[in-house]
């Protein structure tokens, strides 16, 4: 799926992906206390 997405992704999509990754990092840095927000964001 990642390979397929990479073939079809556009520049705007990269920016949106970067925003998701930043938000993921915030929740990961919270450790166990950030798992609910991480799961919501993943969904």
ModelCIF file with pLDDT and N, C-alpha, C, O atoms, coordinates in Angstrom:
data_MODEL
#
_entry.id   MODEL 
#
_entity.id                         1 
_entity.type                       polymer 
_entity.pdbx_number_of_molecules   1 
#
_entity_poly.entity_id                      1 
_entity_poly.type                           'polypeptide(L)' 
_entity_poly.nstd_linkage                   no 
_entity_poly.nstd_monomer                   no 
_entity_poly.pdbx_seq_one_letter_code       
;(UNK)(UNK)(UNK)(UNK)(UNK)(UNK)(UNK)(UNK)(UNK)(UNK)(UNK)(UNK)(UNK)(UNK)(UNK)(UNK)
(UNK)(UNK)(UNK)(UNK)(UNK)(UNK)(UNK)(UNK)(UNK)(UNK)(UNK)(UNK)(UNK)(UNK)(UNK)(UNK)
(UNK)(UNK)(UNK)(UNK)(UNK)(UNK)(UNK)(UNK)(UNK)(UNK)(UNK)
;
_entity_poly.pdbx_seq_one_letter_code_can   XXXXXXXXXXXXXXXXXXXXXXXXXXXXXXXXXXXXXXXXXXX 
_entity_poly.pdbx_strand_id                 A 
#
loop_
_entity_poly_seq.entity_id 
_entity_poly_seq.num 
_entity_poly_seq.mon_id 
_entity_poly_seq.hetero 
1 1  UNK n 
1 2  UNK n 
1 3  UNK n 
1 4  UNK n 
1 5  UNK n 
1 6  UNK n 
1 7  UNK n 
1 8  UNK n 
1 9  UNK n 
1 10 UNK n 
1 11 UNK n 
1 12 UNK n 
1 13 UNK n 
1 14 UNK n 
1 15 UNK n 
1 16 UNK n 
1 17 UNK n 
1 18 UNK n 
1 19 UNK n 
1 20 UNK n 
1 21 UNK n 
1 22 UNK n 
1 23 UNK n 
1 24 UNK n 
1 25 UNK n 
1 26 UNK n 
1 27 UNK n 
1 28 UNK n 
1 29 UNK n 
1 30 UNK n 
1 31 UNK n 
1 32 UNK n 
1 33 UNK n 
1 34 UNK n 
1 35 UNK n 
1 36 UNK n 
1 37 UNK n 
1 38 UNK n 
1 39 UNK n 
1 40 UNK n 
1 41 UNK n 
1 42 UNK n 
1 43 UNK n 
#
_struct_asym.id          A 
_struct_asym.entity_id   1 
#
loop_
_ma_qa_metric.id 
_ma_qa_metric.mode 
_ma_qa_metric.name 
_ma_qa_metric.software_group_id 
_ma_qa_metric.type 
1 global pLDDT . pLDDT 
2 local  pLDDT . pLDDT 
#
_ma_qa_metric_global.metric_id      1 
_ma_qa_metric_global.metric_value   85.88 
_ma_qa_metric_global.model_id       1 
_ma_qa_metric_global.ordinal_id     1 
#
loop_
_ma_qa_metric_local.label_asym_id 
_ma_qa_metric_local.label_comp_id 
_ma_qa_metric_local.label_seq_id 
_ma_qa_metric_local.metric_id 
_ma_qa_metric_local.metric_value 
_ma_qa_metric_local.model_id 
_ma_qa_metric_local.ordinal_id 
A UNK 1  2 86.00 1 1  
A UNK 2  2 84.00 1 2  
A UNK 3  2 86.00 1 3  
A UNK 4  2 85.00 1 4  
A UNK 5  2 80.00 1 5  
A UNK 6  2 81.00 1 6  
A UNK 7  2 84.00 1 7  
A UNK 8  2 83.00 1 8  
A UNK 9  2 82.00 1 9  
A UNK 10 2 83.00 1 10 
A UNK 11 2 80.00 1 11 
A UNK 12 2 81.00 1 12 
A UNK 13 2 83.00 1 13 
A UNK 14 2 81.00 1 14 
A UNK 15 2 85.00 1 15 
A UNK 16 2 85.00 1 16 
A UNK 17 2 84.00 1 17 
A UNK 18 2 87.00 1 18 
A UNK 19 2 88.00 1 19 
A UNK 20 2 87.00 1 20 
A UNK 21 2 89.00 1 21 
A UNK 22 2 91.00 1 22 
A UNK 23 2 90.00 1 23 
A UNK 24 2 87.00 1 24 
A UNK 25 2 90.00 1 25 
A UNK 26 2 90.00 1 26 
A UNK 27 2 86.00 1 27 
A UNK 28 2 88.00 1 28 
A UNK 29 2 90.00 1 29 
A UNK 30 2 91.00 1 30 
A UNK 31 2 87.00 1 31 
A UNK 32 2 87.00 1 32 
A UNK 33 2 87.00 1 33 
A UNK 34 2 84.00 1 34 
A UNK 35 2 86.00 1 35 
A UNK 36 2 89.00 1 36 
A UNK 37 2 88.00 1 37 
A UNK 38 2 85.00 1 38 
A UNK 39 2 88.00 1 39 
A UNK 40 2 88.00 1 40 
A UNK 41 2 86.00 1 41 
A UNK 42 2 86.00 1 42 
A UNK 43 2 85.00 1 43 
#
loop_
_atom_site.group_PDB 
_atom_site.id 
_atom_site.type_symbol 
_atom_site.label_atom_id 
_atom_site.label_alt_id 
_atom_site.label_comp_id 
_atom_site.label_asym_id 
_atom_site.label_entity_id 
_atom_site.label_seq_id 
_atom_site.pdbx_PDB_ins_code 
_atom_site.Cartn_x 
_atom_site.Cartn_y 
_atom_site.Cartn_z 
_atom_site.occupancy 
_atom_site.B_iso_or_equiv 
_atom_site.pdbx_formal_charge 
_atom_site.auth_seq_id 
_atom_site.auth_comp_id 
_atom_site.auth_asym_id 
_atom_site.auth_atom_id 
_atom_site.pdbx_PDB_model_num 
ATOM 1   N N  . UNK A 1 1  ? 0.830  -1.213 0.000  1.00 86.00 ? 1  UNK A N  1 
ATOM 2   C CA . UNK A 1 1  ? 0.000  0.000  0.000  1.00 86.00 ? 1  UNK A CA 1 
ATOM 3   C C  . UNK A 1 1  ? 0.861  1.259  0.000  1.00 86.00 ? 1  UNK A C  1 
ATOM 4   O O  . UNK A 1 1  ? 0.561  2.230  -0.694 1.00 86.00 ? 1  UNK A O  1 
ATOM 5   N N  . UNK A 1 2  ? 1.920  1.228  0.777  1.00 84.00 ? 2  UNK A N  1 
ATOM 6   C CA . UNK A 1 2  ? 2.823  2.388  0.824  1.00 84.00 ? 2  UNK A CA 1 
ATOM 7   C C  . UNK A 1 2  ? 3.440  2.627  -0.548 1.00 84.00 ? 2  UNK A C  1 
ATOM 8   O O  . UNK A 1 2  ? 3.548  3.770  -0.993 1.00 84.00 ? 2  UNK A O  1 
ATOM 9   N N  . UNK A 1 3  ? 3.841  1.557  -1.215 1.00 86.00 ? 3  UNK A N  1 
ATOM 10  C CA . UNK A 1 3  ? 4.407  1.689  -2.562 1.00 86.00 ? 3  UNK A CA 1 
ATOM 11  C C  . UNK A 1 3  ? 3.389  2.321  -3.508 1.00 86.00 ? 3  UNK A C  1 
ATOM 12  O O  . UNK A 1 3  ? 3.736  3.211  -4.285 1.00 86.00 ? 3  UNK A O  1 
ATOM 13  N N  . UNK A 1 4  ? 2.154  1.875  -3.448 1.00 85.00 ? 4  UNK A N  1 
ATOM 14  C CA . UNK A 1 4  ? 1.094  2.423  -4.297 1.00 85.00 ? 4  UNK A CA 1 
ATOM 15  C C  . UNK A 1 4  ? 0.851  3.897  -3.988 1.00 85.00 ? 4  UNK A C  1 
ATOM 16  O O  . UNK A 1 4  ? 0.709  4.710  -4.902 1.00 85.00 ? 4  UNK A O  1 
ATOM 17  N N  . UNK A 1 5  ? 0.803  4.239  -2.711 1.00 80.00 ? 5  UNK A N  1 
ATOM 18  C CA . UNK A 1 5  ? 0.595  5.635  -2.310 1.00 80.00 ? 5  UNK A CA 1 
ATOM 19  C C  . UNK A 1 5  ? 1.736  6.505  -2.821 1.00 80.00 ? 5  UNK A C  1 
ATOM 20  O O  . UNK A 1 5  ? 1.502  7.603  -3.327 1.00 80.00 ? 5  UNK A O  1 
ATOM 21  N N  . UNK A 1 6  ? 2.961  6.024  -2.694 1.00 81.00 ? 6  UNK A N  1 
ATOM 22  C CA . UNK A 1 6  ? 4.120  6.806  -3.136 1.00 81.00 ? 6  UNK A CA 1 
ATOM 23  C C  . UNK A 1 6  ? 4.076  7.087  -4.640 1.00 81.00 ? 6  UNK A C  1 
ATOM 24  O O  . UNK A 1 6  ? 4.542  8.134  -5.090 1.00 81.00 ? 6  UNK A O  1 
ATOM 25  N N  . UNK A 1 7  ? 3.522  6.164  -5.407 1.00 84.00 ? 7  UNK A N  1 
ATOM 26  C CA . UNK A 1 7  ? 3.414  6.372  -6.848 1.00 84.00 ? 7  UNK A CA 1 
ATOM 27  C C  . UNK A 1 7  ? 2.365  7.417  -7.198 1.00 84.00 ? 7  UNK A C  1 
ATOM 28  O O  . UNK A 1 7  ? 2.448  8.048  -8.252 1.00 84.00 ? 7  UNK A O  1 
ATOM 29  N N  . UNK A 1 8  ? 1.368  7.609  -6.319 1.00 83.00 ? 8  UNK A N  1 
ATOM 30  C CA . UNK A 1 8  ? 0.247  8.493  -6.642 1.00 83.00 ? 8  UNK A CA 1 
ATOM 31  C C  . UNK A 1 8  ? 0.244  9.807  -5.851 1.00 83.00 ? 8  UNK A C  1 
ATOM 32  O O  . UNK A 1 8  ? -0.591 10.676 -6.100 1.00 83.00 ? 8  UNK A O  1 
ATOM 33  N N  . UNK A 1 9  ? 1.160  9.953  -4.913 1.00 82.00 ? 9  UNK A N  1 
ATOM 34  C CA . UNK A 1 9  ? 1.125  11.099 -4.005 1.00 82.00 ? 9  UNK A CA 1 
ATOM 35  C C  . UNK A 1 9  ? 1.496  12.408 -4.710 1.00 82.00 ? 9  UNK A C  1 
ATOM 36  O O  . UNK A 1 9  ? 2.298  12.423 -5.643 1.00 82.00 ? 9  UNK A O  1 
ATOM 37  N N  . UNK A 1 10 ? 0.897  13.493 -4.245 1.00 83.00 ? 10 UNK A N  1 
ATOM 38  C CA . UNK A 1 10 ? 1.169  14.837 -4.781 1.00 83.00 ? 10 UNK A CA 1 
ATOM 39  C C  . UNK A 1 10 ? 1.849  15.675 -3.702 1.00 83.00 ? 10 UNK A C  1 
ATOM 40  O O  . UNK A 1 10 ? 1.861  15.303 -2.529 1.00 83.00 ? 10 UNK A O  1 
ATOM 41  N N  . UNK A 1 11 ? 2.418  16.816 -4.112 1.00 80.00 ? 11 UNK A N  1 
ATOM 42  C CA . UNK A 1 11 ? 3.155  17.680 -3.180 1.00 80.00 ? 11 UNK A CA 1 
ATOM 43  C C  . UNK A 1 11 ? 2.292  18.075 -1.974 1.00 80.00 ? 11 UNK A C  1 
ATOM 44  O O  . UNK A 1 11 ? 2.781  18.053 -0.844 1.00 80.00 ? 11 UNK A O  1 
ATOM 45  N N  . UNK A 1 12 ? 1.038  18.429 -2.187 1.00 81.00 ? 12 UNK A N  1 
ATOM 46  C CA . UNK A 1 12 ? 0.147  18.818 -1.085 1.00 81.00 ? 12 UNK A CA 1 
ATOM 47  C C  . UNK A 1 12 ? -0.054 17.652 -0.123 1.00 81.00 ? 12 UNK A C  1 
ATOM 48  O O  . UNK A 1 12 ? -0.185 17.843 1.086  1.00 81.00 ? 12 UNK A O  1 
ATOM 49  N N  . UNK A 1 13 ? -0.076 16.450 -0.675 1.00 83.00 ? 13 UNK A N  1 
ATOM 50  C CA . UNK A 1 13 ? -0.229 15.264 0.166  1.00 83.00 ? 13 UNK A CA 1 
ATOM 51  C C  . UNK A 1 13 ? 0.979  15.077 1.073  1.00 83.00 ? 13 UNK A C  1 
ATOM 52  O O  . UNK A 1 13 ? 0.836  14.634 2.212  1.00 83.00 ? 13 UNK A O  1 
ATOM 53  N N  . UNK A 1 14 ? 2.188  15.418 0.570  1.00 81.00 ? 14 UNK A N  1 
ATOM 54  C CA . UNK A 1 14 ? 3.398  15.319 1.388  1.00 81.00 ? 14 UNK A CA 1 
ATOM 55  C C  . UNK A 1 14 ? 3.299  16.255 2.590  1.00 81.00 ? 14 UNK A C  1 
ATOM 56  O O  . UNK A 1 14 ? 3.679  15.887 3.702  1.00 81.00 ? 14 UNK A O  1 
ATOM 57  N N  . UNK A 1 15 ? 2.784  17.475 2.364  1.00 85.00 ? 15 UNK A N  1 
ATOM 58  C CA . UNK A 1 15 ? 2.634  18.426 3.473  1.00 85.00 ? 15 UNK A CA 1 
ATOM 59  C C  . UNK A 1 15 ? 1.663  17.882 4.520  1.00 85.00 ? 15 UNK A C  1 
ATOM 60  O O  . UNK A 1 15 ? 1.918  17.981 5.720  1.00 85.00 ? 15 UNK A O  1 
ATOM 61  N N  . UNK A 1 16 ? 0.548  17.306 4.059  1.00 85.00 ? 16 UNK A N  1 
ATOM 62  C CA . UNK A 1 16 ? -0.427 16.744 4.989  1.00 85.00 ? 16 UNK A CA 1 
ATOM 63  C C  . UNK A 1 16 ? 0.176  15.565 5.756  1.00 85.00 ? 16 UNK A C  1 
ATOM 64  O O  . UNK A 1 16 ? -0.064 15.412 6.953  1.00 85.00 ? 16 UNK A O  1 
ATOM 65  N N  . UNK A 1 17 ? 0.954  14.738 5.068  1.00 84.00 ? 17 UNK A N  1 
ATOM 66  C CA . UNK A 1 17 ? 1.622  13.615 5.715  1.00 84.00 ? 17 UNK A CA 1 
ATOM 67  C C  . UNK A 1 17 ? 2.612  14.113 6.766  1.00 84.00 ? 17 UNK A C  1 
ATOM 68  O O  . UNK A 1 17 ? 2.696  13.550 7.858  1.00 84.00 ? 17 UNK A O  1 
ATOM 69  N N  . UNK A 1 18 ? 3.354  15.160 6.442  1.00 87.00 ? 18 UNK A N  1 
ATOM 70  C CA . UNK A 1 18 ? 4.310  15.728 7.398  1.00 87.00 ? 18 UNK A CA 1 
ATOM 71  C C  . UNK A 1 18 ? 3.586  16.229 8.650  1.00 87.00 ? 18 UNK A C  1 
ATOM 72  O O  . UNK A 1 18 ? 4.081  16.062 9.764  1.00 87.00 ? 18 UNK A O  1 
ATOM 73  N N  . UNK A 1 19 ? 2.418  16.841 8.464  1.00 88.00 ? 19 UNK A N  1 
ATOM 74  C CA . UNK A 1 19 ? 1.638  17.316 9.614  1.00 88.00 ? 19 UNK A CA 1 
ATOM 75  C C  . UNK A 1 19 ? 1.193  16.147 10.494 1.00 88.00 ? 19 UNK A C  1 
ATOM 76  O O  . UNK A 1 19 ? 1.258  16.229 11.721 1.00 88.00 ? 19 UNK A O  1 
ATOM 77  N N  . UNK A 1 20 ? 0.743  15.064 9.866  1.00 87.00 ? 20 UNK A N  1 
ATOM 78  C CA . UNK A 1 20 ? 0.357  13.881 10.636 1.00 87.00 ? 20 UNK A CA 1 
ATOM 79  C C  . UNK A 1 20 ? 1.551  13.344 11.412 1.00 87.00 ? 20 UNK A C  1 
ATOM 80  O O  . UNK A 1 20 ? 1.430  13.007 12.589 1.00 87.00 ? 20 UNK A O  1 
ATOM 81  N N  . UNK A 1 21 ? 2.704  13.263 10.756 1.00 89.00 ? 21 UNK A N  1 
ATOM 82  C CA . UNK A 1 21 ? 3.897  12.725 11.419 1.00 89.00 ? 21 UNK A CA 1 
ATOM 83  C C  . UNK A 1 21 ? 4.298  13.567 12.622 1.00 89.00 ? 21 UNK A C  1 
ATOM 84  O O  . UNK A 1 21 ? 4.689  13.026 13.657 1.00 89.00 ? 21 UNK A O  1 
ATOM 85  N N  . UNK A 1 22 ? 4.204  14.883 12.494 1.00 91.00 ? 22 UNK A N  1 
ATOM 86  C CA . UNK A 1 22 ? 4.519  15.771 13.628 1.00 91.00 ? 22 UNK A CA 1 
ATOM 87  C C  . UNK A 1 22 ? 3.571  15.513 14.795 1.00 91.00 ? 22 UNK A C  1 
ATOM 88  O O  . UNK A 1 22 ? 3.990  15.438 15.950 1.00 91.00 ? 22 UNK A O  1 
ATOM 89  N N  . UNK A 1 23 ? 2.282  15.379 14.468 1.00 90.00 ? 23 UNK A N  1 
ATOM 90  C CA . UNK A 1 23 ? 1.306  15.121 15.527 1.00 90.00 ? 23 UNK A CA 1 
ATOM 91  C C  . UNK A 1 23 ? 1.522  13.736 16.148 1.00 90.00 ? 23 UNK A C  1 
ATOM 92  O O  . UNK A 1 23 ? 1.377  13.569 17.359 1.00 90.00 ? 23 UNK A O  1 
ATOM 93  N N  . UNK A 1 24 ? 1.868  12.745 15.318 1.00 87.00 ? 24 UNK A N  1 
ATOM 94  C CA . UNK A 1 24 ? 2.192  11.422 15.855 1.00 87.00 ? 24 UNK A CA 1 
ATOM 95  C C  . UNK A 1 24 ? 3.339  11.526 16.853 1.00 87.00 ? 24 UNK A C  1 
ATOM 96  O O  . UNK A 1 24 ? 3.289  10.934 17.931 1.00 87.00 ? 24 UNK A O  1 
ATOM 97  N N  . UNK A 1 25 ? 4.368  12.280 16.489 1.00 90.00 ? 25 UNK A N  1 
ATOM 98  C CA . UNK A 1 25 ? 5.548  12.423 17.351 1.00 90.00 ? 25 UNK A CA 1 
ATOM 99  C C  . UNK A 1 25 ? 5.171  13.014 18.704 1.00 90.00 ? 25 UNK A C  1 
ATOM 100 O O  . UNK A 1 25 ? 5.684  12.578 19.734 1.00 90.00 ? 25 UNK A O  1 
ATOM 101 N N  . UNK A 1 26 ? 4.281  14.001 18.711 1.00 90.00 ? 26 UNK A N  1 
ATOM 102 C CA . UNK A 1 26 ? 3.838  14.620 19.967 1.00 90.00 ? 26 UNK A CA 1 
ATOM 103 C C  . UNK A 1 26 ? 3.241  13.558 20.897 1.00 90.00 ? 26 UNK A C  1 
ATOM 104 O O  . UNK A 1 26 ? 3.551  13.520 22.087 1.00 90.00 ? 26 UNK A O  1 
ATOM 105 N N  . UNK A 1 27 ? 2.394  12.708 20.348 1.00 86.00 ? 27 UNK A N  1 
ATOM 106 C CA . UNK A 1 27 ? 1.731  11.682 21.165 1.00 86.00 ? 27 UNK A CA 1 
ATOM 107 C C  . UNK A 1 27 ? 2.700  10.580 21.587 1.00 86.00 ? 27 UNK A C  1 
ATOM 108 O O  . UNK A 1 27 ? 2.598  10.062 22.699 1.00 86.00 ? 27 UNK A O  1 
ATOM 109 N N  . UNK A 1 28 ? 3.632  10.219 20.718 1.00 88.00 ? 28 UNK A N  1 
ATOM 110 C CA . UNK A 1 28 ? 4.635  9.212  21.070 1.00 88.00 ? 28 UNK A CA 1 
ATOM 111 C C  . UNK A 1 28 ? 5.515  9.732  22.202 1.00 88.00 ? 28 UNK A C  1 
ATOM 112 O O  . UNK A 1 28 ? 5.852  8.982  23.119 1.00 88.00 ? 28 UNK A O  1 
ATOM 113 N N  . UNK A 1 29 ? 5.887  11.000 22.147 1.00 90.00 ? 29 UNK A N  1 
ATOM 114 C CA . UNK A 1 29 ? 6.733  11.592 23.186 1.00 90.00 ? 29 UNK A CA 1 
ATOM 115 C C  . UNK A 1 29 ? 6.057  11.612 24.556 1.00 90.00 ? 29 UNK A C  1 
ATOM 116 O O  . UNK A 1 29 ? 6.735  11.684 25.581 1.00 90.00 ? 29 UNK A O  1 
ATOM 117 N N  . UNK A 1 30 ? 4.727  11.550 24.575 1.00 91.00 ? 30 UNK A N  1 
ATOM 118 C CA . UNK A 1 30 ? 3.985  11.508 25.844 1.00 91.00 ? 30 UNK A CA 1 
ATOM 119 C C  . UNK A 1 30 ? 4.077  10.134 26.496 1.00 91.00 ? 30 UNK A C  1 
ATOM 120 O O  . UNK A 1 30 ? 3.702  9.971  27.657 1.00 91.00 ? 30 UNK A O  1 
ATOM 121 N N  . UNK A 1 31 ? 4.572  9.149  25.760 1.00 87.00 ? 31 UNK A N  1 
ATOM 122 C CA . UNK A 1 31 ? 4.666  7.793  26.296 1.00 87.00 ? 31 UNK A CA 1 
ATOM 123 C C  . UNK A 1 31 ? 3.294  7.164  26.425 1.00 87.00 ? 31 UNK A C  1 
ATOM 124 O O  . UNK A 1 31 ? 2.405  7.398  25.607 1.00 87.00 ? 31 UNK A O  1 
ATOM 125 N N  . UNK A 1 32 ? 3.134  6.349  27.481 1.00 87.00 ? 32 UNK A N  1 
ATOM 126 C CA . UNK A 1 32 ? 1.881  5.622  27.675 1.00 87.00 ? 32 UNK A CA 1 
ATOM 127 C C  . UNK A 1 32 ? 0.686  6.563  27.812 1.00 87.00 ? 32 UNK A C  1 
ATOM 128 O O  . UNK A 1 32 ? -0.439 6.191  27.477 1.00 87.00 ? 32 UNK A O  1 
ATOM 129 N N  . UNK A 1 33 ? 0.925  7.777  28.302 1.00 87.00 ? 33 UNK A N  1 
ATOM 130 C CA . UNK A 1 33 ? -0.165 8.746  28.475 1.00 87.00 ? 33 UNK A CA 1 
ATOM 131 C C  . UNK A 1 33 ? -0.732 9.274  27.159 1.00 87.00 ? 33 UNK A C  1 
ATOM 132 O O  . UNK A 1 33 ? -1.811 9.867  27.141 1.00 87.00 ? 33 UNK A O  1 
ATOM 133 N N  . UNK A 1 34 ? -0.010 9.060  26.060 1.00 84.00 ? 34 UNK A N  1 
ATOM 134 C CA . UNK A 1 34 ? -0.478 9.585  24.783 1.00 84.00 ? 34 UNK A CA 1 
ATOM 135 C C  . UNK A 1 34 ? -1.086 8.544  23.866 1.00 84.00 ? 34 UNK A C  1 
ATOM 136 O O  . UNK A 1 34 ? -1.379 8.834  22.706 1.00 84.00 ? 34 UNK A O  1 
ATOM 137 N N  . UNK A 1 35 ? -1.279 7.330  24.374 1.00 86.00 ? 35 UNK A N  1 
ATOM 138 C CA . UNK A 1 35 ? -1.718 6.249  23.488 1.00 86.00 ? 35 UNK A CA 1 
ATOM 139 C C  . UNK A 1 35 ? -3.123 6.447  22.944 1.00 86.00 ? 35 UNK A C  1 
ATOM 140 O O  . UNK A 1 35 ? -3.383 6.102  21.792 1.00 86.00 ? 35 UNK A O  1 
ATOM 141 N N  . UNK A 1 36 ? -4.044 6.999  23.747 1.00 89.00 ? 36 UNK A N  1 
ATOM 142 C CA . UNK A 1 36 ? -5.416 7.199  23.245 1.00 89.00 ? 36 UNK A CA 1 
ATOM 143 C C  . UNK A 1 36 ? -5.434 8.216  22.103 1.00 89.00 ? 36 UNK A C  1 
ATOM 144 O O  . UNK A 1 36 ? -6.080 7.996  21.078 1.00 89.00 ? 36 UNK A O  1 
ATOM 145 N N  . UNK A 1 37 ? -4.726 9.320  22.283 1.00 88.00 ? 37 UNK A N  1 
ATOM 146 C CA . UNK A 1 37 ? -4.668 10.328 21.219 1.00 88.00 ? 37 UNK A CA 1 
ATOM 147 C C  . UNK A 1 37 ? -3.951 9.779  19.982 1.00 88.00 ? 37 UNK A C  1 
ATOM 148 O O  . UNK A 1 37 ? -4.323 10.079 18.848 1.00 88.00 ? 37 UNK A O  1 
ATOM 149 N N  . UNK A 1 38 ? -2.921 8.971  20.225 1.00 85.00 ? 38 UNK A N  1 
ATOM 150 C CA . UNK A 1 38 ? -2.203 8.343  19.121 1.00 85.00 ? 38 UNK A CA 1 
ATOM 151 C C  . UNK A 1 38 ? -3.146 7.435  18.333 1.00 85.00 ? 38 UNK A C  1 
ATOM 152 O O  . UNK A 1 38 ? -3.164 7.480  17.103 1.00 85.00 ? 38 UNK A O  1 
ATOM 153 N N  . UNK A 1 39 ? -3.927 6.613  19.033 1.00 88.00 ? 39 UNK A N  1 
ATOM 154 C CA . UNK A 1 39 ? -4.867 5.690  18.380 1.00 88.00 ? 39 UNK A CA 1 
ATOM 155 C C  . UNK A 1 39 ? -5.923 6.464  17.601 1.00 88.00 ? 39 UNK A C  1 
ATOM 156 O O  . UNK A 1 39 ? -6.277 6.066  16.491 1.00 88.00 ? 39 UNK A O  1 
ATOM 157 N N  . UNK A 1 40 ? -6.433 7.556  18.153 1.00 88.00 ? 40 UNK A N  1 
ATOM 158 C CA . UNK A 1 40 ? -7.416 8.388  17.455 1.00 88.00 ? 40 UNK A CA 1 
ATOM 159 C C  . UNK A 1 40 ? -6.811 8.974  16.194 1.00 88.00 ? 40 UNK A C  1 
ATOM 160 O O  . UNK A 1 40 ? -7.431 8.953  15.131 1.00 88.00 ? 40 UNK A O  1 
ATOM 161 N N  . UNK A 1 41 ? -5.591 9.500  16.314 1.00 86.00 ? 41 UNK A N  1 
ATOM 162 C CA . UNK A 1 41 ? -4.916 10.093 15.166 1.00 86.00 ? 41 UNK A CA 1 
ATOM 163 C C  . UNK A 1 41 ? -4.642 9.027  14.099 1.00 86.00 ? 41 UNK A C  1 
ATOM 164 O O  . UNK A 1 41 ? -4.795 9.291  12.907 1.00 86.00 ? 41 UNK A O  1 
ATOM 165 N N  . UNK A 1 42 ? -4.245 7.849  14.517 1.00 86.00 ? 42 UNK A N  1 
ATOM 166 C CA . UNK A 1 42 ? -3.993 6.774  13.557 1.00 86.00 ? 42 UNK A CA 1 
ATOM 167 C C  . UNK A 1 42 ? -5.263 6.436  12.783 1.00 86.00 ? 42 UNK A C  1 
ATOM 168 O O  . UNK A 1 42 ? -5.227 6.214  11.572 1.00 86.00 ? 42 UNK A O  1 
ATOM 169 N N  . UNK A 1 43 ? -6.366 6.401  13.485 1.00 85.00 ? 43 UNK A N  1 
ATOM 170 C CA . UNK A 1 43 ? -7.655 6.129  12.824 1.00 85.00 ? 43 UNK A CA 1 
ATOM 171 C C  . UNK A 1 43 ? -7.975 7.230  11.824 1.00 85.00 ? 43 UNK A C  1 
ATOM 172 O O  . UNK A 1 43 ? -9.015 7.184  11.167 1.00 85.00 ? 43 UNK A O  1 
#
